[in-house]
């Protein structure tokens, strides 16, 4: 006690309770971050592509051949609040389909998903979407040709302002 009063500082002594507090704090931080990341991943998971992957795989080759036989090329463009889907055949001529639908959304979240109503303007299918925020987007297109052939494609596009 006399030493403390004379102005000398007492040296810090690392004890078991200090080590325990550091270990609990470090592992608590790691576990907390892992829980946060897992909850964020599950909350933003967009869902399944197909209900049963085995059943979908049984038709994959025939579906792919049917789609490739159409010879379509699909291009998308987002300008302001308008979204355009241009489908062309092997000659570059616009294709008018029996039906077209799909979902526009972010690759990792369903929060911004929307299902636009398209109108054919003679060259492309056009829909009002509202202004899409800058960044990566997907259009999951489903179309039926005039001959009844089915066409499905995920088109990745980037919006830049």
N, C-alpha and C. Protein backbone atom coordinates (compact mmCIF):
# COMPACT_ATOMS: atom_id res chain seq x y z
N UNK A 1 0.81 -1.19 0.00
CA UNK A 1 0.00 0.00 0.00
C UNK A 1 0.85 1.25 0.00
N UNK A 2 1.96 1.19 0.66
CA UNK A 2 2.82 2.35 0.75
C UNK A 2 3.36 2.73 -0.62
N UNK A 3 3.61 1.75 -1.46
CA UNK A 3 4.14 2.02 -2.79
C UNK A 3 3.14 2.77 -3.64
N UNK A 4 1.86 2.43 -3.54
CA UNK A 4 0.84 3.09 -4.35
C UNK A 4 0.72 4.56 -3.99
N UNK A 5 0.85 4.89 -2.75
CA UNK A 5 0.69 6.27 -2.30
C UNK A 5 1.88 7.13 -2.70
N UNK A 6 3.03 6.55 -2.92
CA UNK A 6 4.21 7.33 -3.25
C UNK A 6 4.24 7.74 -4.72
N UNK A 7 3.23 7.38 -5.54
CA UNK A 7 3.16 7.83 -6.91
C UNK A 7 3.51 6.78 -7.93
N UNK A 8 3.99 5.65 -7.53
CA UNK A 8 4.29 4.59 -8.48
C UNK A 8 3.00 3.91 -8.90
N UNK A 9 2.94 3.57 -10.21
CA UNK A 9 1.75 2.89 -10.73
C UNK A 9 1.89 1.41 -10.53
N UNK A 10 0.76 0.80 -10.26
CA UNK A 10 0.74 -0.65 -10.10
C UNK A 10 0.67 -1.26 -11.49
N UNK A 11 1.50 -2.26 -11.78
CA UNK A 11 1.51 -2.93 -13.08
C UNK A 11 0.25 -3.74 -13.26
N UNK A 12 -0.23 -3.78 -14.52
CA UNK A 12 -1.42 -4.57 -14.84
C UNK A 12 -1.07 -6.05 -14.81
N UNK A 13 -1.89 -6.79 -14.15
CA UNK A 13 -1.66 -8.22 -14.05
C UNK A 13 -2.79 -8.94 -14.79
N UNK A 14 -2.43 -9.70 -15.82
CA UNK A 14 -3.41 -10.44 -16.61
C UNK A 14 -3.85 -11.67 -15.82
N UNK A 15 -5.13 -11.71 -15.54
CA UNK A 15 -5.67 -12.80 -14.75
C UNK A 15 -6.64 -13.62 -15.59
N UNK A 16 -7.05 -14.71 -15.04
CA UNK A 16 -7.97 -15.62 -15.73
C UNK A 16 -9.28 -14.95 -16.14
N UNK A 17 -9.80 -14.09 -15.30
CA UNK A 17 -11.07 -13.42 -15.62
C UNK A 17 -10.92 -12.50 -16.83
N UNK A 18 -9.74 -11.91 -17.02
CA UNK A 18 -9.49 -11.05 -18.18
C UNK A 18 -9.45 -11.89 -19.47
N UNK A 19 -8.76 -13.01 -19.41
CA UNK A 19 -8.67 -13.91 -20.56
C UNK A 19 -10.05 -14.44 -20.92
N UNK A 20 -10.82 -14.81 -19.89
CA UNK A 20 -12.17 -15.29 -20.13
C UNK A 20 -13.03 -14.22 -20.81
N UNK A 21 -12.94 -12.99 -20.36
CA UNK A 21 -13.71 -11.89 -20.95
C UNK A 21 -13.30 -11.67 -22.41
N UNK A 22 -12.00 -11.75 -22.72
CA UNK A 22 -11.54 -11.58 -24.10
C UNK A 22 -12.06 -12.72 -24.99
N UNK A 23 -12.00 -13.94 -24.50
CA UNK A 23 -12.47 -15.09 -25.28
C UNK A 23 -13.98 -15.01 -25.53
N UNK A 24 -14.74 -14.71 -24.49
CA UNK A 24 -16.19 -14.60 -24.64
C UNK A 24 -16.53 -13.47 -25.60
N UNK A 25 -15.84 -12.35 -25.49
CA UNK A 25 -16.08 -11.22 -26.39
C UNK A 25 -15.75 -11.55 -27.84
N UNK A 26 -14.61 -12.21 -28.08
CA UNK A 26 -14.20 -12.55 -29.44
C UNK A 26 -15.17 -13.55 -30.06
N UNK A 27 -15.46 -14.63 -29.35
CA UNK A 27 -16.38 -15.63 -29.90
C UNK A 27 -17.80 -15.08 -30.01
N UNK A 28 -18.20 -14.22 -29.08
CA UNK A 28 -19.52 -13.58 -29.16
C UNK A 28 -19.65 -12.73 -30.42
N UNK A 29 -18.59 -11.99 -30.75
CA UNK A 29 -18.59 -11.18 -31.96
C UNK A 29 -18.68 -12.06 -33.21
N UNK A 30 -17.89 -13.12 -33.25
CA UNK A 30 -17.90 -14.03 -34.40
C UNK A 30 -19.28 -14.67 -34.58
N UNK A 31 -19.84 -15.17 -33.52
CA UNK A 31 -21.15 -15.82 -33.59
C UNK A 31 -22.22 -14.81 -33.96
N UNK A 32 -22.15 -13.61 -33.42
CA UNK A 32 -23.12 -12.56 -33.76
C UNK A 32 -23.08 -12.21 -35.23
N UNK A 33 -21.90 -12.06 -35.80
CA UNK A 33 -21.77 -11.75 -37.23
C UNK A 33 -22.30 -12.91 -38.07
N UNK A 34 -22.00 -14.15 -37.69
CA UNK A 34 -22.51 -15.31 -38.42
C UNK A 34 -24.03 -15.38 -38.41
N UNK A 35 -24.63 -15.12 -37.27
CA UNK A 35 -26.10 -15.11 -37.19
C UNK A 35 -26.67 -14.01 -38.06
N UNK A 36 -26.08 -12.83 -38.01
CA UNK A 36 -26.55 -11.73 -38.85
C UNK A 36 -26.48 -12.09 -40.33
N UNK A 37 -25.36 -12.65 -40.77
CA UNK A 37 -25.18 -13.02 -42.18
C UNK A 37 -26.16 -14.12 -42.60
N UNK A 38 -26.39 -15.09 -41.75
CA UNK A 38 -27.32 -16.18 -42.08
C UNK A 38 -28.75 -15.65 -42.21
N UNK A 39 -29.16 -14.80 -41.28
CA UNK A 39 -30.51 -14.22 -41.34
C UNK A 39 -30.65 -13.36 -42.59
N UNK A 40 -29.64 -12.57 -42.92
CA UNK A 40 -29.69 -11.73 -44.13
C UNK A 40 -29.78 -12.58 -45.38
N UNK A 41 -29.04 -13.68 -45.44
CA UNK A 41 -29.06 -14.56 -46.61
C UNK A 41 -30.43 -15.20 -46.79
N UNK A 42 -31.02 -15.68 -45.70
CA UNK A 42 -32.32 -16.33 -45.80
C UNK A 42 -33.41 -15.31 -46.14
N UNK A 43 -33.33 -14.12 -45.58
CA UNK A 43 -34.34 -13.09 -45.82
C UNK A 43 -34.34 -12.62 -47.27
N UNK A 44 -33.19 -12.60 -47.93
CA UNK A 44 -33.10 -12.09 -49.30
C UNK A 44 -33.06 -13.20 -50.34
N UNK A 45 -33.20 -14.47 -49.96
CA UNK A 45 -33.16 -15.58 -50.90
C UNK A 45 -34.34 -15.50 -51.86
N UNK A 46 -34.08 -15.43 -53.16
CA UNK A 46 -35.17 -15.24 -54.12
C UNK A 46 -36.04 -16.47 -54.32
N UNK A 47 -35.62 -17.62 -53.89
CA UNK A 47 -36.47 -18.80 -54.01
C UNK A 47 -35.92 -19.81 -54.98
N UNK A 48 -36.72 -20.80 -55.25
CA UNK A 48 -36.31 -21.90 -56.11
C UNK A 48 -36.59 -21.58 -57.57
N UNK A 49 -35.74 -22.08 -58.45
CA UNK A 49 -35.96 -21.95 -59.89
C UNK A 49 -37.02 -22.95 -60.35
N UNK A 50 -36.95 -24.15 -59.84
CA UNK A 50 -37.92 -25.19 -60.17
C UNK A 50 -38.32 -25.91 -58.89
N UNK A 51 -39.52 -26.48 -58.87
CA UNK A 51 -39.99 -27.17 -57.67
C UNK A 51 -39.25 -28.47 -57.45
N UNK A 52 -39.00 -29.21 -58.54
CA UNK A 52 -38.33 -30.50 -58.42
C UNK A 52 -37.26 -30.58 -59.50
N UNK A 53 -36.01 -30.47 -59.11
CA UNK A 53 -34.92 -30.43 -60.09
C UNK A 53 -34.78 -31.75 -60.85
N UNK A 54 -35.11 -32.87 -60.22
CA UNK A 54 -35.01 -34.16 -60.91
C UNK A 54 -36.02 -34.23 -62.06
N UNK A 55 -37.25 -33.83 -61.80
CA UNK A 55 -38.28 -33.85 -62.85
C UNK A 55 -37.91 -32.88 -63.96
N UNK A 56 -37.42 -31.69 -63.60
CA UNK A 56 -37.02 -30.71 -64.61
C UNK A 56 -35.88 -31.24 -65.47
N UNK A 57 -34.97 -32.00 -64.87
CA UNK A 57 -33.84 -32.52 -65.63
C UNK A 57 -34.27 -33.57 -66.66
N UNK A 58 -35.39 -34.23 -66.43
CA UNK A 58 -35.86 -35.25 -67.36
C UNK A 58 -36.30 -34.65 -68.70
N UNK A 59 -36.69 -33.39 -68.70
CA UNK A 59 -37.18 -32.72 -69.92
C UNK A 59 -36.18 -31.71 -70.47
N UNK A 60 -35.04 -31.57 -69.80
CA UNK A 60 -34.10 -30.51 -70.16
C UNK A 60 -33.65 -30.57 -71.61
N UNK A 61 -33.20 -31.73 -72.07
CA UNK A 61 -32.67 -31.85 -73.43
C UNK A 61 -33.72 -31.56 -74.49
N UNK A 62 -34.94 -32.07 -74.30
CA UNK A 62 -36.00 -31.80 -75.30
C UNK A 62 -36.42 -30.34 -75.27
N UNK A 63 -36.51 -29.76 -74.05
CA UNK A 63 -36.86 -28.33 -73.95
C UNK A 63 -35.79 -27.46 -74.60
N UNK A 64 -34.53 -27.81 -74.39
CA UNK A 64 -33.42 -27.05 -74.97
C UNK A 64 -33.44 -27.14 -76.49
N UNK A 65 -33.66 -28.33 -77.02
CA UNK A 65 -33.70 -28.52 -78.48
C UNK A 65 -34.86 -27.73 -79.09
N UNK A 66 -36.02 -27.76 -78.43
CA UNK A 66 -37.19 -27.00 -78.91
C UNK A 66 -36.89 -25.50 -78.92
N UNK A 67 -36.23 -25.03 -77.90
CA UNK A 67 -35.90 -23.61 -77.79
C UNK A 67 -34.85 -23.21 -78.83
N UNK A 68 -33.81 -24.02 -79.00
CA UNK A 68 -32.76 -23.70 -79.97
C UNK A 68 -33.29 -23.73 -81.41
N UNK A 69 -34.27 -24.60 -81.68
CA UNK A 69 -34.86 -24.69 -83.02
C UNK A 69 -35.55 -23.39 -83.42
N UNK A 70 -36.00 -22.62 -82.45
CA UNK A 70 -36.63 -21.33 -82.76
C UNK A 70 -35.63 -20.35 -83.35
N UNK A 71 -34.37 -20.43 -82.92
CA UNK A 71 -33.32 -19.54 -83.44
C UNK A 71 -33.46 -18.09 -83.01
N UNK A 72 -34.05 -17.88 -81.87
CA UNK A 72 -34.29 -16.52 -81.40
C UNK A 72 -33.06 -15.94 -80.71
N UNK A 73 -32.93 -14.61 -80.83
CA UNK A 73 -31.98 -13.83 -80.06
C UNK A 73 -32.79 -12.81 -79.28
N UNK A 74 -32.50 -12.68 -78.00
CA UNK A 74 -33.26 -11.77 -77.14
C UNK A 74 -32.32 -10.71 -76.59
N UNK A 75 -32.76 -9.46 -76.70
CA UNK A 75 -32.01 -8.34 -76.14
C UNK A 75 -32.96 -7.49 -75.31
N UNK A 76 -32.48 -7.00 -74.18
CA UNK A 76 -33.31 -6.15 -73.32
C UNK A 76 -32.65 -4.78 -73.16
N UNK A 77 -33.50 -3.81 -72.85
CA UNK A 77 -32.99 -2.46 -72.61
C UNK A 77 -33.95 -1.73 -71.67
N UNK A 78 -33.40 -1.12 -70.64
CA UNK A 78 -34.18 -0.32 -69.70
C UNK A 78 -33.81 1.14 -69.90
N UNK A 79 -34.80 1.95 -70.28
CA UNK A 79 -34.59 3.39 -70.47
C UNK A 79 -35.66 4.13 -69.70
N UNK A 80 -35.25 4.85 -68.66
CA UNK A 80 -36.22 5.58 -67.85
C UNK A 80 -37.16 4.59 -67.19
N UNK A 81 -38.47 4.75 -67.45
CA UNK A 81 -39.44 3.82 -66.87
C UNK A 81 -39.98 2.83 -67.90
N UNK A 82 -39.27 2.69 -69.02
CA UNK A 82 -39.66 1.76 -70.09
C UNK A 82 -38.66 0.61 -70.17
N UNK A 83 -39.19 -0.60 -70.29
CA UNK A 83 -38.36 -1.80 -70.45
C UNK A 83 -38.72 -2.43 -71.79
N UNK A 84 -37.70 -2.67 -72.62
CA UNK A 84 -37.90 -3.23 -73.96
C UNK A 84 -37.27 -4.62 -74.06
N UNK A 85 -38.00 -5.52 -74.69
CA UNK A 85 -37.50 -6.87 -74.97
C UNK A 85 -37.63 -7.08 -76.48
N UNK A 86 -36.49 -7.14 -77.16
CA UNK A 86 -36.47 -7.34 -78.61
C UNK A 86 -36.12 -8.80 -78.90
N UNK A 87 -37.03 -9.49 -79.57
CA UNK A 87 -36.80 -10.88 -79.97
C UNK A 87 -36.66 -10.88 -81.48
N UNK A 88 -35.54 -11.43 -81.96
CA UNK A 88 -35.31 -11.51 -83.41
C UNK A 88 -35.03 -12.96 -83.81
N UNK A 89 -35.34 -13.28 -85.08
CA UNK A 89 -35.06 -14.62 -85.59
C UNK A 89 -33.67 -14.66 -86.22
N UNK A 90 -33.35 -15.76 -86.92
CA UNK A 90 -32.01 -15.93 -87.50
C UNK A 90 -31.68 -14.84 -88.52
N UNK A 91 -32.71 -14.28 -89.18
CA UNK A 91 -32.48 -13.25 -90.20
C UNK A 91 -32.41 -11.85 -89.60
N UNK A 92 -32.69 -11.73 -88.33
CA UNK A 92 -32.69 -10.42 -87.68
C UNK A 92 -34.05 -9.74 -87.68
N UNK A 93 -35.08 -10.43 -88.18
CA UNK A 93 -36.43 -9.87 -88.22
C UNK A 93 -37.08 -9.98 -86.84
N UNK A 94 -37.89 -8.98 -86.47
CA UNK A 94 -38.59 -9.04 -85.17
C UNK A 94 -39.55 -10.23 -85.14
N UNK A 95 -39.66 -10.83 -83.98
CA UNK A 95 -40.55 -11.97 -83.79
C UNK A 95 -41.73 -11.53 -82.92
N UNK A 96 -42.94 -11.85 -83.38
CA UNK A 96 -44.13 -11.63 -82.57
C UNK A 96 -44.54 -12.98 -82.00
N UNK A 97 -44.69 -13.04 -80.69
CA UNK A 97 -44.97 -14.30 -80.01
C UNK A 97 -46.44 -14.42 -79.65
N UNK A 98 -46.84 -15.63 -79.31
CA UNK A 98 -48.22 -15.88 -78.86
C UNK A 98 -48.43 -15.24 -77.48
N UNK A 99 -47.44 -15.42 -76.61
CA UNK A 99 -47.53 -14.81 -75.27
C UNK A 99 -46.12 -14.58 -74.74
N UNK A 100 -46.01 -13.57 -73.88
CA UNK A 100 -44.74 -13.26 -73.23
C UNK A 100 -45.04 -12.76 -71.82
N UNK A 101 -44.23 -13.23 -70.89
CA UNK A 101 -44.35 -12.78 -69.50
C UNK A 101 -42.97 -12.93 -68.87
N UNK A 102 -42.91 -12.67 -67.60
CA UNK A 102 -41.65 -12.82 -66.90
C UNK A 102 -41.55 -11.90 -65.72
N UNK A 103 -40.43 -11.99 -65.05
CA UNK A 103 -40.19 -11.20 -63.85
C UNK A 103 -38.90 -10.43 -63.99
N UNK A 104 -38.97 -9.16 -63.67
CA UNK A 104 -37.77 -8.32 -63.61
C UNK A 104 -37.43 -8.17 -62.13
N UNK A 105 -36.18 -8.45 -61.78
CA UNK A 105 -35.81 -8.34 -60.38
C UNK A 105 -34.31 -8.38 -60.18
N UNK A 106 -33.92 -8.14 -58.96
CA UNK A 106 -32.52 -8.21 -58.60
C UNK A 106 -32.09 -9.67 -58.52
N UNK A 107 -30.81 -9.96 -58.77
CA UNK A 107 -30.34 -11.34 -58.72
C UNK A 107 -30.42 -11.98 -57.33
N UNK A 108 -30.32 -11.18 -56.27
CA UNK A 108 -30.22 -11.76 -54.93
C UNK A 108 -31.38 -11.43 -54.00
N UNK A 109 -32.41 -10.78 -54.51
CA UNK A 109 -33.50 -10.37 -53.64
C UNK A 109 -34.81 -10.30 -54.43
N UNK A 110 -35.92 -10.53 -53.76
CA UNK A 110 -37.22 -10.44 -54.41
C UNK A 110 -37.94 -9.13 -54.08
N UNK A 111 -37.31 -8.27 -53.32
CA UNK A 111 -37.94 -7.03 -52.86
C UNK A 111 -38.38 -6.15 -54.04
N UNK A 112 -37.55 -6.04 -55.08
CA UNK A 112 -37.85 -5.16 -56.22
C UNK A 112 -38.50 -5.88 -57.39
N UNK A 113 -38.90 -7.14 -57.23
CA UNK A 113 -39.48 -7.91 -58.33
C UNK A 113 -40.76 -7.27 -58.85
N UNK A 114 -40.92 -7.35 -60.16
CA UNK A 114 -42.15 -6.88 -60.79
C UNK A 114 -42.42 -7.70 -62.04
N UNK A 115 -43.69 -7.83 -62.38
CA UNK A 115 -44.11 -8.59 -63.55
C UNK A 115 -44.78 -7.61 -64.52
N UNK A 116 -44.04 -7.14 -65.51
CA UNK A 116 -44.59 -6.13 -66.42
C UNK A 116 -45.57 -6.71 -67.44
N UNK A 117 -46.45 -5.86 -67.93
CA UNK A 117 -47.41 -6.22 -68.99
C UNK A 117 -46.85 -5.65 -70.29
N UNK A 118 -46.51 -6.53 -71.23
CA UNK A 118 -45.87 -6.12 -72.47
C UNK A 118 -46.87 -5.86 -73.60
N UNK A 119 -46.49 -4.92 -74.47
CA UNK A 119 -47.23 -4.61 -75.69
C UNK A 119 -46.23 -4.65 -76.84
N UNK A 120 -46.61 -5.30 -77.94
CA UNK A 120 -45.73 -5.39 -79.10
C UNK A 120 -45.88 -4.13 -79.94
N UNK A 121 -44.77 -3.42 -80.22
CA UNK A 121 -44.83 -2.18 -80.99
C UNK A 121 -44.40 -2.36 -82.46
N UNK A 122 -44.30 -3.61 -82.90
CA UNK A 122 -43.87 -3.90 -84.26
C UNK A 122 -42.40 -4.29 -84.37
N UNK A 123 -41.61 -3.90 -83.36
CA UNK A 123 -40.19 -4.23 -83.34
C UNK A 123 -39.79 -4.95 -82.07
N UNK A 124 -40.43 -4.59 -80.97
CA UNK A 124 -40.07 -5.16 -79.67
C UNK A 124 -41.27 -5.13 -78.74
N UNK A 125 -41.12 -5.80 -77.63
CA UNK A 125 -42.14 -5.78 -76.59
C UNK A 125 -41.75 -4.70 -75.58
N UNK A 126 -42.72 -3.85 -75.25
CA UNK A 126 -42.46 -2.69 -74.41
C UNK A 126 -43.40 -2.73 -73.19
N UNK A 127 -42.87 -2.37 -72.03
CA UNK A 127 -43.66 -2.32 -70.80
C UNK A 127 -43.18 -1.18 -69.92
N UNK A 128 -44.11 -0.61 -69.17
CA UNK A 128 -43.75 0.39 -68.16
C UNK A 128 -43.37 -0.34 -66.88
N UNK A 129 -42.22 0.02 -66.35
CA UNK A 129 -41.74 -0.64 -65.13
C UNK A 129 -41.49 0.34 -63.98
N UNK A 130 -41.55 1.61 -64.27
CA UNK A 130 -41.05 2.55 -63.28
C UNK A 130 -39.54 2.59 -63.44
N UNK A 131 -38.93 3.61 -62.95
CA UNK A 131 -37.48 3.75 -63.11
C UNK A 131 -36.76 2.71 -62.26
N UNK A 132 -35.96 1.88 -62.93
CA UNK A 132 -35.19 0.86 -62.22
C UNK A 132 -33.93 1.50 -61.64
N UNK A 133 -33.62 1.15 -60.41
CA UNK A 133 -32.43 1.67 -59.76
C UNK A 133 -31.18 1.15 -60.46
N UNK A 134 -30.09 1.88 -60.30
CA UNK A 134 -28.83 1.49 -60.93
C UNK A 134 -28.34 0.16 -60.35
N UNK A 135 -27.75 -0.66 -61.22
CA UNK A 135 -27.16 -1.92 -60.78
C UNK A 135 -27.56 -3.10 -61.63
N UNK A 136 -27.24 -4.29 -61.15
CA UNK A 136 -27.53 -5.54 -61.86
C UNK A 136 -28.99 -5.94 -61.69
N UNK A 137 -29.58 -6.41 -62.79
CA UNK A 137 -30.96 -6.88 -62.81
C UNK A 137 -31.03 -8.15 -63.63
N UNK A 138 -32.08 -8.93 -63.41
CA UNK A 138 -32.39 -10.11 -64.21
C UNK A 138 -33.79 -9.97 -64.78
N UNK A 139 -33.96 -10.44 -66.01
CA UNK A 139 -35.31 -10.60 -66.55
C UNK A 139 -35.47 -12.09 -66.83
N UNK A 140 -36.38 -12.73 -66.12
CA UNK A 140 -36.66 -14.16 -66.30
C UNK A 140 -37.84 -14.27 -67.26
N UNK A 141 -37.50 -14.46 -68.52
CA UNK A 141 -38.48 -14.41 -69.60
C UNK A 141 -39.11 -15.79 -69.84
N UNK A 142 -40.42 -15.77 -70.07
CA UNK A 142 -41.16 -16.97 -70.47
C UNK A 142 -42.02 -16.54 -71.65
N UNK A 143 -41.82 -17.22 -72.79
CA UNK A 143 -42.59 -16.87 -73.99
C UNK A 143 -43.06 -18.14 -74.68
N UNK A 144 -44.13 -17.98 -75.44
CA UNK A 144 -44.65 -19.08 -76.25
C UNK A 144 -44.70 -18.59 -77.69
N UNK A 145 -44.07 -19.36 -78.59
CA UNK A 145 -44.06 -19.00 -80.01
C UNK A 145 -45.44 -19.27 -80.62
N UNK A 146 -45.66 -18.74 -81.82
CA UNK A 146 -46.93 -18.93 -82.52
C UNK A 146 -47.20 -20.42 -82.77
N UNK A 147 -46.13 -21.23 -82.92
CA UNK A 147 -46.31 -22.67 -83.15
C UNK A 147 -46.47 -23.47 -81.85
N UNK A 148 -46.48 -22.79 -80.69
CA UNK A 148 -46.67 -23.45 -79.41
C UNK A 148 -45.38 -23.82 -78.70
N UNK A 149 -44.23 -23.58 -79.33
CA UNK A 149 -42.94 -23.87 -78.69
C UNK A 149 -42.72 -22.94 -77.50
N UNK A 150 -42.12 -23.51 -76.46
CA UNK A 150 -41.86 -22.72 -75.25
C UNK A 150 -40.43 -22.20 -75.26
N UNK A 151 -40.26 -21.00 -74.71
CA UNK A 151 -38.96 -20.35 -74.65
C UNK A 151 -38.79 -19.74 -73.27
N UNK A 152 -37.72 -20.14 -72.57
CA UNK A 152 -37.41 -19.59 -71.24
C UNK A 152 -35.96 -19.16 -71.25
N UNK A 153 -35.72 -17.98 -70.70
CA UNK A 153 -34.34 -17.50 -70.63
C UNK A 153 -34.21 -16.47 -69.52
N UNK A 154 -33.08 -16.53 -68.83
CA UNK A 154 -32.76 -15.50 -67.83
C UNK A 154 -31.77 -14.56 -68.47
N UNK A 155 -32.16 -13.30 -68.59
CA UNK A 155 -31.32 -12.30 -69.25
C UNK A 155 -30.81 -11.34 -68.17
N UNK A 156 -29.51 -11.23 -68.08
CA UNK A 156 -28.86 -10.34 -67.12
C UNK A 156 -28.61 -9.00 -67.81
N UNK A 157 -29.00 -7.92 -67.16
CA UNK A 157 -28.72 -6.59 -67.71
C UNK A 157 -28.32 -5.64 -66.59
N UNK A 158 -27.69 -4.56 -66.97
CA UNK A 158 -27.19 -3.59 -66.02
C UNK A 158 -27.82 -2.24 -66.32
N UNK A 159 -28.35 -1.59 -65.30
CA UNK A 159 -28.94 -0.26 -65.42
C UNK A 159 -27.92 0.75 -64.93
N UNK A 160 -27.61 1.74 -65.77
CA UNK A 160 -26.67 2.79 -65.39
C UNK A 160 -27.34 4.14 -65.64
N UNK A 161 -27.27 5.02 -64.67
CA UNK A 161 -27.89 6.35 -64.82
C UNK A 161 -26.84 7.38 -65.15
